[in-house]
Protein backbone atom coordinates (compact mmCIF):
# COMPACT_ATOMS: atom_id res chain seq x y z
CA MET A 1 -12.38 2.21 -17.04
CA THR A 2 -10.23 5.26 -16.44
CA ARG A 3 -6.58 5.00 -15.53
CA ARG A 4 -5.31 6.43 -12.28
CA ALA A 5 -2.45 8.87 -12.30
CA ARG A 6 0.77 7.15 -11.28
CA ARG A 7 1.50 7.73 -7.61
CA SER A 8 4.85 7.82 -5.90
CA PHE A 9 5.36 6.94 -2.27
CA THR A 10 7.85 8.32 0.22
CA LYS A 11 10.29 6.06 1.99
CA GLU A 12 8.49 6.85 5.26
CA PHE A 13 5.12 5.80 3.83
CA LYS A 14 6.59 2.52 2.55
CA GLU A 15 8.14 1.83 5.95
CA GLN A 16 4.79 2.53 7.63
CA ILE A 17 3.03 0.03 5.36
CA VAL A 18 5.70 -2.62 6.04
CA GLN A 19 5.37 -2.07 9.79
CA LEU A 20 1.58 -2.39 9.65
CA HIS A 21 1.87 -5.68 7.78
CA ALA A 22 4.63 -6.95 10.07
CA SER A 23 2.48 -6.20 13.12
CA GLY A 24 -0.24 -8.49 11.79
CA LYS A 25 -2.61 -6.22 9.87
CA PRO A 26 -4.05 -8.17 6.91
CA ARG A 27 -2.73 -7.35 3.43
CA ALA A 28 -6.23 -6.86 2.00
CA GLU A 29 -7.15 -4.41 4.76
CA ILE A 30 -4.02 -2.30 4.17
CA ILE A 31 -4.64 -2.24 0.41
CA LYS A 32 -8.24 -1.10 0.89
CA GLU A 33 -7.49 1.45 3.63
CA TYR A 34 -4.67 3.16 1.71
CA GLU A 35 -6.25 2.68 -1.76
CA LEU A 36 -3.27 0.73 -3.05
CA THR A 37 -3.16 -1.74 -5.88
CA PRO A 38 -2.01 -5.24 -5.00
CA SER A 39 1.08 -4.79 -7.19
CA ALA A 40 1.96 -1.50 -5.48
CA PHE A 41 1.69 -3.22 -2.11
CA ASP A 42 3.93 -6.09 -3.25
CA LYS A 43 6.65 -3.75 -4.46
């Protein structure tokens, strides 16, 4: 298994993800759509 390069996210991107989740979009769907890891989503 190859390691992914570490990604950094802008404040705006993080706010967008929070808003999507707050509006009812499922966590698993957001993670898949934006190719996030579960730990990146939780942070």
